[in-house]
């Protein structure tokens, strides 16, 4: 009976490490697998207006009709934290591309501390309701998700999961060469 009690207690503790823990922000977290999607030029639709308040308290509007990388993230998300140096490096490698973060399911205070500590060079919007505008194209179906907009403001591609230099470079180079 004692062994059964220990086994049951262990099982309960291990199940607490899953996505059903007490943190409601993380309850519907889905990790992406790094899959890249690309939309042919004729099949693309317009991205939503991406503007609002940033983590650092500034009003921001993504410029229209320019290539952009939109990264959906949260500070509690391990893959999000791991990909931040890659995104920062890519924003330097591609200075003509606008980079923008969208915070989702997170505490802005924690996210702001993460951004400041890592000296992230691009803004992050704190209102994730803008993500609804991607529902008819390539929705942010995982955390992290990175969406690439073409020079016409149309949704051109998505990386579902953590970006790598190779995956984001390949997608950006394809979109820039169109």
N, C-alpha and C. Protein backbone atom coordinates (compact mmCIF):
# COMPACT_ATOMS: atom_id res chain seq x y z
N UNK A 1 0.82 -1.19 0.00
CA UNK A 1 0.00 0.00 0.00
C UNK A 1 0.87 1.26 0.00
N UNK A 2 1.99 1.21 0.75
CA UNK A 2 2.89 2.35 0.82
C UNK A 2 3.51 2.62 -0.55
N UNK A 3 3.89 1.55 -1.28
CA UNK A 3 4.47 1.71 -2.62
C UNK A 3 3.45 2.34 -3.58
N UNK A 4 2.20 1.93 -3.46
CA UNK A 4 1.15 2.49 -4.29
C UNK A 4 0.97 3.98 -4.01
N UNK A 5 1.04 4.36 -2.74
CA UNK A 5 0.92 5.77 -2.37
C UNK A 5 2.07 6.59 -2.91
N UNK A 6 3.29 6.06 -2.84
CA UNK A 6 4.46 6.75 -3.37
C UNK A 6 4.35 6.89 -4.88
N UNK A 7 3.93 5.83 -5.55
CA UNK A 7 3.77 5.86 -7.00
C UNK A 7 2.72 6.89 -7.41
N UNK A 8 1.61 6.91 -6.70
CA UNK A 8 0.55 7.87 -7.00
C UNK A 8 1.02 9.31 -6.77
N UNK A 9 1.73 9.56 -5.68
CA UNK A 9 2.27 10.89 -5.39
C UNK A 9 3.25 11.32 -6.47
N UNK A 10 4.11 10.41 -6.91
CA UNK A 10 5.07 10.71 -7.96
C UNK A 10 4.35 11.05 -9.26
N UNK A 11 3.34 10.27 -9.60
CA UNK A 11 2.57 10.53 -10.81
C UNK A 11 1.91 11.90 -10.77
N UNK A 12 1.34 12.26 -9.65
CA UNK A 12 0.72 13.58 -9.51
C UNK A 12 1.73 14.70 -9.64
N UNK A 13 2.90 14.54 -9.06
CA UNK A 13 3.95 15.56 -9.18
C UNK A 13 4.40 15.71 -10.62
N UNK A 14 4.61 14.61 -11.32
CA UNK A 14 5.05 14.67 -12.71
C UNK A 14 4.00 15.29 -13.61
N UNK A 15 2.73 15.01 -13.35
CA UNK A 15 1.68 15.59 -14.18
C UNK A 15 1.62 17.11 -14.01
N UNK A 16 2.11 17.63 -12.91
CA UNK A 16 2.15 19.08 -12.69
C UNK A 16 3.13 19.79 -13.58
N UNK A 17 4.03 19.05 -14.24
CA UNK A 17 5.00 19.66 -15.14
C UNK A 17 4.43 19.86 -16.53
N UNK A 18 3.24 19.32 -16.78
CA UNK A 18 2.63 19.45 -18.10
C UNK A 18 2.00 20.81 -18.29
N UNK A 19 1.14 20.90 -19.28
CA UNK A 19 0.50 22.17 -19.61
C UNK A 19 -0.78 22.40 -18.84
N UNK A 20 -1.09 21.56 -17.89
CA UNK A 20 -2.32 21.72 -17.12
C UNK A 20 -2.05 22.24 -15.72
N UNK A 21 -0.92 22.91 -15.52
CA UNK A 21 -0.57 23.47 -14.21
C UNK A 21 -1.47 24.62 -13.85
N UNK A 22 -1.15 25.29 -12.78
CA UNK A 22 -2.03 26.34 -12.27
C UNK A 22 -1.87 27.67 -12.97
N UNK A 23 -0.86 27.83 -13.82
CA UNK A 23 -0.65 29.10 -14.49
C UNK A 23 -1.55 29.17 -15.72
N UNK A 24 -2.63 29.93 -15.65
CA UNK A 24 -3.59 29.99 -16.74
C UNK A 24 -3.00 30.55 -18.01
N UNK A 25 -1.97 31.37 -17.93
CA UNK A 25 -1.35 31.92 -19.13
C UNK A 25 -0.72 30.82 -19.97
N UNK A 26 -0.33 29.75 -19.33
CA UNK A 26 0.36 28.70 -20.05
C UNK A 26 -0.54 27.51 -20.37
N UNK A 27 -1.79 27.52 -19.95
CA UNK A 27 -2.64 26.35 -20.10
C UNK A 27 -2.84 25.93 -21.54
N UNK A 28 -2.94 26.86 -22.47
CA UNK A 28 -3.18 26.48 -23.86
C UNK A 28 -1.91 26.61 -24.70
N UNK A 29 -0.78 26.57 -24.07
CA UNK A 29 0.50 26.65 -24.77
C UNK A 29 0.70 25.45 -25.68
N UNK A 30 1.05 25.70 -26.92
CA UNK A 30 1.38 24.65 -27.87
C UNK A 30 2.75 24.98 -28.42
N UNK A 31 3.67 24.05 -28.30
CA UNK A 31 5.01 24.26 -28.83
C UNK A 31 5.03 23.92 -30.31
N UNK A 32 5.64 24.77 -31.10
CA UNK A 32 5.76 24.50 -32.53
C UNK A 32 6.94 23.58 -32.79
N UNK A 33 6.98 23.04 -33.99
CA UNK A 33 8.05 22.11 -34.35
C UNK A 33 9.07 22.72 -35.30
N UNK A 34 8.97 24.02 -35.55
CA UNK A 34 9.92 24.68 -36.44
C UNK A 34 9.53 24.60 -37.90
N UNK A 35 8.34 24.08 -38.20
CA UNK A 35 7.90 23.95 -39.59
C UNK A 35 7.72 25.33 -40.23
N UNK A 36 8.17 25.44 -41.47
CA UNK A 36 8.05 26.69 -42.21
C UNK A 36 6.95 26.55 -43.26
N UNK A 37 6.08 27.55 -43.32
CA UNK A 37 5.02 27.61 -44.34
C UNK A 37 5.31 28.81 -45.23
N UNK A 38 5.05 28.66 -46.51
CA UNK A 38 5.24 29.74 -47.48
C UNK A 38 3.98 29.84 -48.31
N UNK A 39 3.51 31.06 -48.53
CA UNK A 39 2.31 31.29 -49.34
C UNK A 39 2.73 31.90 -50.67
N UNK A 40 2.23 31.32 -51.76
CA UNK A 40 2.50 31.86 -53.09
C UNK A 40 1.93 33.27 -53.19
N UNK A 41 2.56 34.09 -54.00
CA UNK A 41 2.19 35.51 -54.10
C UNK A 41 0.70 35.71 -54.37
N UNK A 42 0.13 34.97 -55.27
CA UNK A 42 -1.28 35.14 -55.62
C UNK A 42 -2.27 34.71 -54.55
N UNK A 43 -1.80 33.97 -53.57
CA UNK A 43 -2.69 33.46 -52.51
C UNK A 43 -2.59 34.23 -51.19
N UNK A 44 -1.80 35.26 -51.15
CA UNK A 44 -1.58 36.00 -49.90
C UNK A 44 -2.72 36.96 -49.61
N UNK A 45 -2.92 37.19 -48.30
CA UNK A 45 -3.89 38.20 -47.88
C UNK A 45 -3.19 39.21 -46.97
N UNK A 46 -3.82 40.34 -46.82
CA UNK A 46 -3.23 41.43 -46.04
C UNK A 46 -3.10 41.08 -44.57
N UNK A 47 -2.02 41.52 -44.00
CA UNK A 47 -1.82 41.40 -42.55
C UNK A 47 -2.70 42.43 -41.86
N UNK A 48 -3.03 42.20 -40.61
CA UNK A 48 -3.80 43.21 -39.87
C UNK A 48 -2.94 44.44 -39.57
N UNK A 49 -3.59 45.51 -39.17
CA UNK A 49 -2.88 46.69 -38.71
C UNK A 49 -2.13 46.31 -37.43
N UNK A 50 -0.86 46.52 -37.41
CA UNK A 50 -0.05 46.16 -36.26
C UNK A 50 0.46 47.43 -35.58
N UNK A 51 -0.35 47.88 -34.64
CA UNK A 51 0.01 49.09 -33.92
C UNK A 51 -0.54 48.99 -32.51
N UNK A 52 0.05 49.80 -31.63
CA UNK A 52 -0.40 49.82 -30.25
C UNK A 52 0.73 50.21 -29.32
N UNK A 53 0.52 49.91 -28.05
CA UNK A 53 1.49 50.25 -27.01
C UNK A 53 2.55 49.15 -26.92
N UNK A 54 3.81 49.56 -26.75
CA UNK A 54 4.89 48.59 -26.62
C UNK A 54 5.19 48.32 -25.15
N UNK A 55 5.99 47.31 -24.92
CA UNK A 55 6.42 46.98 -23.56
C UNK A 55 7.11 48.15 -22.87
N UNK A 56 7.78 48.97 -23.64
CA UNK A 56 8.52 50.09 -23.06
C UNK A 56 7.69 51.37 -23.00
N UNK A 57 6.36 51.24 -23.23
CA UNK A 57 5.46 52.37 -23.04
C UNK A 57 5.40 53.36 -24.19
N UNK A 58 5.79 52.94 -25.37
CA UNK A 58 5.75 53.82 -26.54
C UNK A 58 4.64 53.38 -27.47
N UNK A 59 4.05 54.33 -28.20
CA UNK A 59 3.09 53.97 -29.25
C UNK A 59 3.89 53.58 -30.48
N UNK A 60 3.44 52.53 -31.16
CA UNK A 60 4.18 52.03 -32.31
C UNK A 60 3.19 51.58 -33.39
N UNK A 61 3.54 51.86 -34.65
CA UNK A 61 2.80 51.35 -35.80
C UNK A 61 3.81 50.77 -36.77
N UNK A 62 3.59 49.54 -37.17
CA UNK A 62 4.46 48.91 -38.15
C UNK A 62 4.30 49.64 -39.47
N UNK A 63 5.40 50.06 -40.10
CA UNK A 63 5.30 50.75 -41.39
C UNK A 63 4.58 49.87 -42.43
N UNK A 64 3.82 50.50 -43.27
CA UNK A 64 3.08 49.80 -44.33
C UNK A 64 4.00 49.51 -45.51
N UNK A 65 3.67 48.46 -46.21
CA UNK A 65 4.32 48.10 -47.48
C UNK A 65 5.84 47.96 -47.38
N UNK A 66 6.27 47.33 -46.31
CA UNK A 66 7.67 46.99 -46.17
C UNK A 66 7.77 45.59 -45.58
N UNK A 67 8.81 44.88 -45.92
CA UNK A 67 9.00 43.52 -45.40
C UNK A 67 9.15 43.59 -43.89
N UNK A 68 8.48 42.65 -43.21
CA UNK A 68 8.51 42.66 -41.75
C UNK A 68 8.54 41.23 -41.22
N UNK A 69 9.14 41.09 -40.04
CA UNK A 69 9.16 39.84 -39.29
C UNK A 69 8.41 40.10 -38.00
N UNK A 70 7.36 39.31 -37.78
CA UNK A 70 6.51 39.46 -36.59
C UNK A 70 6.71 38.22 -35.74
N UNK A 71 7.20 38.40 -34.52
CA UNK A 71 7.46 37.26 -33.63
C UNK A 71 6.50 37.29 -32.45
N UNK A 72 5.73 36.21 -32.30
CA UNK A 72 4.78 36.07 -31.21
C UNK A 72 5.47 35.26 -30.11
N UNK A 73 5.54 35.83 -28.90
CA UNK A 73 6.35 35.21 -27.86
C UNK A 73 5.81 35.49 -26.47
N UNK A 74 6.41 34.83 -25.49
CA UNK A 74 6.13 35.05 -24.07
C UNK A 74 7.42 34.81 -23.29
N UNK A 75 7.62 35.55 -22.23
CA UNK A 75 8.88 35.43 -21.48
C UNK A 75 9.00 34.12 -20.72
N UNK A 76 7.89 33.44 -20.43
CA UNK A 76 7.92 32.16 -19.72
C UNK A 76 8.18 30.98 -20.66
N UNK A 77 8.17 31.23 -21.95
CA UNK A 77 8.30 30.20 -22.99
C UNK A 77 9.78 29.93 -23.28
N UNK A 78 10.25 28.74 -22.96
CA UNK A 78 11.66 28.39 -23.17
C UNK A 78 12.12 28.56 -24.61
N UNK A 79 11.38 28.05 -25.62
CA UNK A 79 11.83 28.27 -27.00
C UNK A 79 11.88 29.74 -27.38
N UNK A 80 10.97 30.54 -26.81
CA UNK A 80 10.97 31.98 -27.08
C UNK A 80 12.25 32.62 -26.55
N UNK A 81 12.60 32.26 -25.34
CA UNK A 81 13.82 32.80 -24.74
C UNK A 81 15.05 32.35 -25.53
N UNK A 82 15.02 31.11 -25.98
CA UNK A 82 16.17 30.57 -26.71
C UNK A 82 16.36 31.22 -28.07
N UNK A 83 15.27 31.62 -28.72
CA UNK A 83 15.39 32.19 -30.07
C UNK A 83 15.68 33.69 -30.07
N UNK A 84 15.58 34.34 -28.93
CA UNK A 84 15.77 35.80 -28.88
C UNK A 84 17.12 36.24 -29.44
N UNK A 85 18.24 35.60 -29.11
CA UNK A 85 19.51 36.03 -29.71
C UNK A 85 19.53 35.90 -31.24
N UNK A 86 18.86 34.88 -31.76
CA UNK A 86 18.78 34.70 -33.21
C UNK A 86 18.00 35.83 -33.84
N UNK A 87 16.84 36.17 -33.26
CA UNK A 87 16.04 37.26 -33.81
C UNK A 87 16.78 38.59 -33.73
N UNK A 88 17.46 38.83 -32.63
CA UNK A 88 18.24 40.07 -32.50
C UNK A 88 19.33 40.14 -33.57
N UNK A 89 20.03 39.03 -33.76
CA UNK A 89 21.09 38.99 -34.78
C UNK A 89 20.52 39.17 -36.18
N UNK A 90 19.36 38.58 -36.43
CA UNK A 90 18.74 38.70 -37.75
C UNK A 90 18.27 40.13 -38.01
N UNK A 91 17.85 40.83 -36.96
CA UNK A 91 17.42 42.22 -37.15
C UNK A 91 18.59 43.11 -37.55
N UNK A 92 19.79 42.71 -37.15
CA UNK A 92 21.00 43.43 -37.56
C UNK A 92 21.41 43.02 -38.97
N UNK A 93 21.31 41.72 -39.27
CA UNK A 93 21.69 41.19 -40.59
C UNK A 93 20.78 41.74 -41.69
N UNK A 94 19.51 41.97 -41.36
CA UNK A 94 18.53 42.46 -42.32
C UNK A 94 18.02 43.84 -41.88
N UNK A 95 18.85 44.90 -42.03
CA UNK A 95 18.45 46.22 -41.51
C UNK A 95 17.26 46.84 -42.24
N UNK A 96 16.95 46.37 -43.45
CA UNK A 96 15.81 46.93 -44.20
C UNK A 96 14.50 46.21 -43.88
N UNK A 97 14.56 45.22 -43.00
CA UNK A 97 13.37 44.47 -42.60
C UNK A 97 12.96 44.95 -41.21
N UNK A 98 11.68 45.21 -41.04
CA UNK A 98 11.17 45.64 -39.73
C UNK A 98 10.89 44.41 -38.88
N UNK A 99 11.39 44.41 -37.66
CA UNK A 99 11.14 43.33 -36.71
C UNK A 99 10.21 43.87 -35.63
N UNK A 100 9.23 43.04 -35.26
CA UNK A 100 8.26 43.42 -34.25
C UNK A 100 7.87 42.19 -33.44
N UNK A 101 7.87 42.33 -32.14
CA UNK A 101 7.39 41.26 -31.28
C UNK A 101 5.94 41.53 -30.90
N UNK A 102 5.21 40.45 -30.62
CA UNK A 102 3.86 40.57 -30.06
C UNK A 102 3.83 39.65 -28.85
N UNK A 103 3.64 40.25 -27.70
CA UNK A 103 3.60 39.50 -26.45
C UNK A 103 2.24 38.81 -26.32
N UNK A 104 2.25 37.55 -25.92
CA UNK A 104 1.00 36.85 -25.73
C UNK A 104 1.01 36.05 -24.44
N UNK A 105 -0.10 36.07 -23.74
CA UNK A 105 -0.31 35.26 -22.53
C UNK A 105 0.83 35.43 -21.52
N UNK A 106 1.19 36.65 -21.25
CA UNK A 106 2.34 36.89 -20.38
C UNK A 106 2.09 38.11 -19.51
N UNK A 107 2.88 38.22 -18.48
CA UNK A 107 2.88 39.37 -17.60
C UNK A 107 3.82 40.42 -18.20
N UNK A 108 3.32 41.59 -18.57
CA UNK A 108 4.18 42.60 -19.18
C UNK A 108 5.41 42.98 -18.35
N UNK A 109 5.31 42.94 -17.04
CA UNK A 109 6.46 43.28 -16.19
C UNK A 109 7.59 42.27 -16.40
N UNK A 110 7.24 40.99 -16.41
CA UNK A 110 8.26 39.95 -16.64
C UNK A 110 8.85 40.07 -18.05
N UNK A 111 7.99 40.31 -19.03
CA UNK A 111 8.45 40.44 -20.41
C UNK A 111 9.34 41.66 -20.59
N UNK A 112 8.98 42.77 -19.95
CA UNK A 112 9.81 43.97 -20.04
C UNK A 112 11.19 43.72 -19.44
N UNK A 113 11.24 43.04 -18.33
CA UNK A 113 12.54 42.71 -17.71
C UNK A 113 13.38 41.86 -18.66
N UNK A 114 12.74 40.90 -19.32
CA UNK A 114 13.45 40.04 -20.28
C UNK A 114 14.01 40.87 -21.44
N UNK A 115 13.18 41.76 -21.98
CA UNK A 115 13.59 42.60 -23.11
C UNK A 115 14.75 43.51 -22.72
N UNK A 116 14.65 44.12 -21.57
CA UNK A 116 15.72 45.02 -21.11
C UNK A 116 17.02 44.25 -20.85
N UNK A 117 16.90 43.11 -20.19
CA UNK A 117 18.09 42.30 -19.88
C UNK A 117 18.80 41.86 -21.15
N UNK A 118 18.03 41.47 -22.15
CA UNK A 118 18.61 40.97 -23.40
C UNK A 118 18.87 42.05 -24.44
N UNK A 119 18.49 43.28 -24.11
CA UNK A 119 18.69 44.42 -25.01
C UNK A 119 18.11 44.14 -26.39
N UNK A 120 16.90 43.61 -26.41
CA UNK A 120 16.22 43.31 -27.67
C UNK A 120 16.09 44.60 -28.48
N UNK A 121 16.56 44.59 -29.74
CA UNK A 121 16.62 45.83 -30.52
C UNK A 121 15.34 46.24 -31.24
N UNK A 122 14.27 45.48 -31.09
CA UNK A 122 13.03 45.80 -31.80
C UNK A 122 11.88 45.88 -30.79
N UNK A 123 10.81 46.60 -31.14
CA UNK A 123 9.70 46.79 -30.20
C UNK A 123 8.83 45.54 -30.08
N UNK A 124 8.09 45.47 -28.98
CA UNK A 124 7.11 44.40 -28.75
C UNK A 124 5.79 45.02 -28.34
N UNK A 125 4.73 44.69 -29.09
CA UNK A 125 3.40 45.14 -28.74
C UNK A 125 2.87 44.30 -27.59
N UNK A 126 2.11 44.93 -26.70
CA UNK A 126 1.58 44.20 -25.55
C UNK A 126 0.13 43.76 -25.74
N UNK A 127 -0.52 44.14 -26.81
CA UNK A 127 -1.91 43.77 -27.05
C UNK A 127 -1.96 42.65 -28.09
N UNK A 128 -2.14 41.42 -27.63
CA UNK A 128 -2.12 40.30 -28.56
C UNK A 128 -3.45 40.12 -29.31
N UNK A 129 -4.40 41.02 -29.11
CA UNK A 129 -5.65 40.93 -29.87
C UNK A 129 -5.42 41.14 -31.36
N UNK A 130 -4.31 41.77 -31.74
CA UNK A 130 -3.98 41.96 -33.15
C UNK A 130 -3.78 40.62 -33.86
N UNK A 131 -3.52 39.56 -33.10
CA UNK A 131 -3.29 38.24 -33.70
C UNK A 131 -4.54 37.68 -34.37
N UNK A 132 -5.70 38.15 -33.97
CA UNK A 132 -6.95 37.70 -34.59
C UNK A 132 -6.93 37.99 -36.09
N UNK A 133 -6.28 39.07 -36.47
CA UNK A 133 -6.19 39.45 -37.88
C UNK A 133 -5.42 38.48 -38.76
N UNK A 134 -4.70 37.55 -38.17
CA UNK A 134 -3.97 36.55 -38.94
C UNK A 134 -4.78 35.26 -39.12
N UNK A 135 -5.98 35.19 -38.57
CA UNK A 135 -6.73 33.93 -38.53
C UNK A 135 -7.09 33.39 -39.91
N UNK A 136 -7.18 34.23 -40.93
CA UNK A 136 -7.55 33.75 -42.27
C UNK A 136 -6.33 33.48 -43.14
N UNK A 137 -5.15 33.70 -42.62
CA UNK A 137 -3.94 33.43 -43.41
C UNK A 137 -3.12 32.36 -42.71
N UNK A 138 -2.12 32.78 -41.97
CA UNK A 138 -1.27 31.86 -41.20
C UNK A 138 -1.34 32.28 -39.74
N UNK A 139 -2.28 31.73 -38.99
CA UNK A 139 -2.43 32.14 -37.59
C UNK A 139 -1.23 31.74 -36.73
N UNK A 140 -1.06 32.46 -35.66
CA UNK A 140 -0.02 32.13 -34.68
C UNK A 140 -0.53 30.93 -33.89
N UNK A 141 -0.23 29.74 -34.39
CA UNK A 141 -0.79 28.51 -33.83
C UNK A 141 0.09 27.86 -32.79
N UNK A 142 1.20 28.48 -32.47
CA UNK A 142 2.13 27.95 -31.47
C UNK A 142 2.88 29.12 -30.88
N UNK A 143 3.53 28.86 -29.77
CA UNK A 143 4.41 29.87 -29.18
C UNK A 143 5.80 29.25 -29.13
N UNK A 144 6.77 29.84 -29.74
CA UNK A 144 6.72 31.05 -30.56
C UNK A 144 6.22 30.76 -31.98
N UNK A 145 5.75 31.80 -32.62
CA UNK A 145 5.43 31.79 -34.04
C UNK A 145 6.05 33.05 -34.63
N UNK A 146 6.64 32.90 -35.81
CA UNK A 146 7.22 34.04 -36.51
C UNK A 146 6.57 34.13 -37.88
N UNK A 147 6.00 35.29 -38.17
CA UNK A 147 5.30 35.53 -39.43
C UNK A 147 6.10 36.55 -40.24
N UNK A 148 6.22 36.30 -41.54
CA UNK A 148 6.93 37.22 -42.43
C UNK A 148 5.93 37.87 -43.37
N UNK A 149 5.98 39.19 -43.43
CA UNK A 149 5.14 39.97 -44.34
C UNK A 149 5.98 40.40 -45.53
N UNK A 150 5.37 40.38 -46.72
CA UNK A 150 6.10 40.83 -47.91
C UNK A 150 6.05 42.35 -48.03
N UNK A 151 6.66 42.88 -49.09
CA UNK A 151 6.76 44.34 -49.26
C UNK A 151 5.41 45.01 -49.50
N UNK A 152 4.36 44.21 -49.74
CA UNK A 152 3.02 44.76 -49.93
C UNK A 152 2.16 44.62 -48.68
N UNK A 153 2.76 44.19 -47.57
CA UNK A 153 2.02 44.03 -46.33
C UNK A 153 1.16 42.77 -46.30
N UNK A 154 1.49 41.82 -47.15
CA UNK A 154 0.75 40.57 -47.22
C UNK A 154 1.49 39.47 -46.45
N UNK A 155 0.73 38.55 -45.87
CA UNK A 155 1.34 37.45 -45.12
C UNK A 155 1.97 36.48 -46.11
N UNK A 156 3.29 36.35 -46.02
CA UNK A 156 4.05 35.53 -46.98
C UNK A 156 4.50 34.20 -46.40
N UNK A 157 4.70 34.12 -45.10
CA UNK A 157 5.20 32.87 -44.53
C UNK A 157 5.15 32.88 -43.02
N UNK A 158 5.39 31.68 -42.48
CA UNK A 158 5.36 31.51 -41.02
C UNK A 158 6.31 30.39 -40.63
N UNK A 159 6.96 30.60 -39.48
CA UNK A 159 7.73 29.54 -38.83
C UNK A 159 7.01 29.26 -37.52
N UNK A 160 6.53 28.05 -37.40
CA UNK A 160 5.78 27.65 -36.21
C UNK A 160 6.74 26.95 -35.26
N UNK A 161 7.16 27.66 -34.24
CA UNK A 161 8.18 27.16 -33.32
C UNK A 161 9.38 28.09 -33.37
N UNK A 162 10.43 27.71 -32.70
CA UNK A 162 11.62 28.56 -32.62
C UNK A 162 12.29 28.71 -33.99
N UNK A 163 12.67 29.94 -34.30
CA UNK A 163 13.40 30.19 -35.54
C UNK A 163 14.85 29.80 -35.38
N UNK A 164 15.46 29.49 -36.49
CA UNK A 164 16.90 29.33 -36.56
C UNK A 164 17.40 30.35 -37.58
N UNK A 165 18.68 30.60 -37.58
CA UNK A 165 19.23 31.52 -38.59
C UNK A 165 18.93 30.99 -39.98
N UNK A 166 19.09 29.69 -40.17
CA UNK A 166 18.84 29.09 -41.49
C UNK A 166 17.38 29.22 -41.91
N UNK A 167 16.45 28.89 -41.01
CA UNK A 167 15.03 28.92 -41.40
C UNK A 167 14.55 30.33 -41.70
N UNK A 168 14.92 31.29 -40.86
CA UNK A 168 14.46 32.65 -41.09
C UNK A 168 15.18 33.29 -42.27
N UNK A 169 16.46 33.02 -42.44
CA UNK A 169 17.19 33.56 -43.60
C UNK A 169 16.59 33.04 -44.90
N UNK A 170 16.30 31.75 -44.95
CA UNK A 170 15.73 31.17 -46.17
C UNK A 170 14.39 31.82 -46.51
N UNK A 171 13.53 31.98 -45.51
CA UNK A 171 12.22 32.59 -45.75
C UNK A 171 12.36 34.07 -46.14
N UNK A 172 13.19 34.80 -45.44
CA UNK A 172 13.39 36.23 -45.76
C UNK A 172 14.01 36.40 -47.14
N UNK A 173 15.00 35.61 -47.47
CA UNK A 173 15.64 35.73 -48.79
C UNK A 173 14.64 35.43 -49.92
N UNK A 174 13.77 34.45 -49.70
CA UNK A 174 12.76 34.11 -50.69
C UNK A 174 11.79 35.29 -50.88
N UNK A 175 11.34 35.88 -49.79
CA UNK A 175 10.40 37.00 -49.85
C UNK A 175 11.06 38.24 -50.43
N UNK A 176 12.30 38.49 -50.07
CA UNK A 176 13.00 39.68 -50.58
C UNK A 176 13.28 39.57 -52.09
N UNK A 177 13.45 38.37 -52.61
CA UNK A 177 13.79 38.20 -54.02
C UNK A 177 12.59 38.23 -54.93
N UNK A 178 11.39 38.35 -54.38
CA UNK A 178 10.17 38.35 -55.22
C UNK A 178 10.00 39.68 -55.94
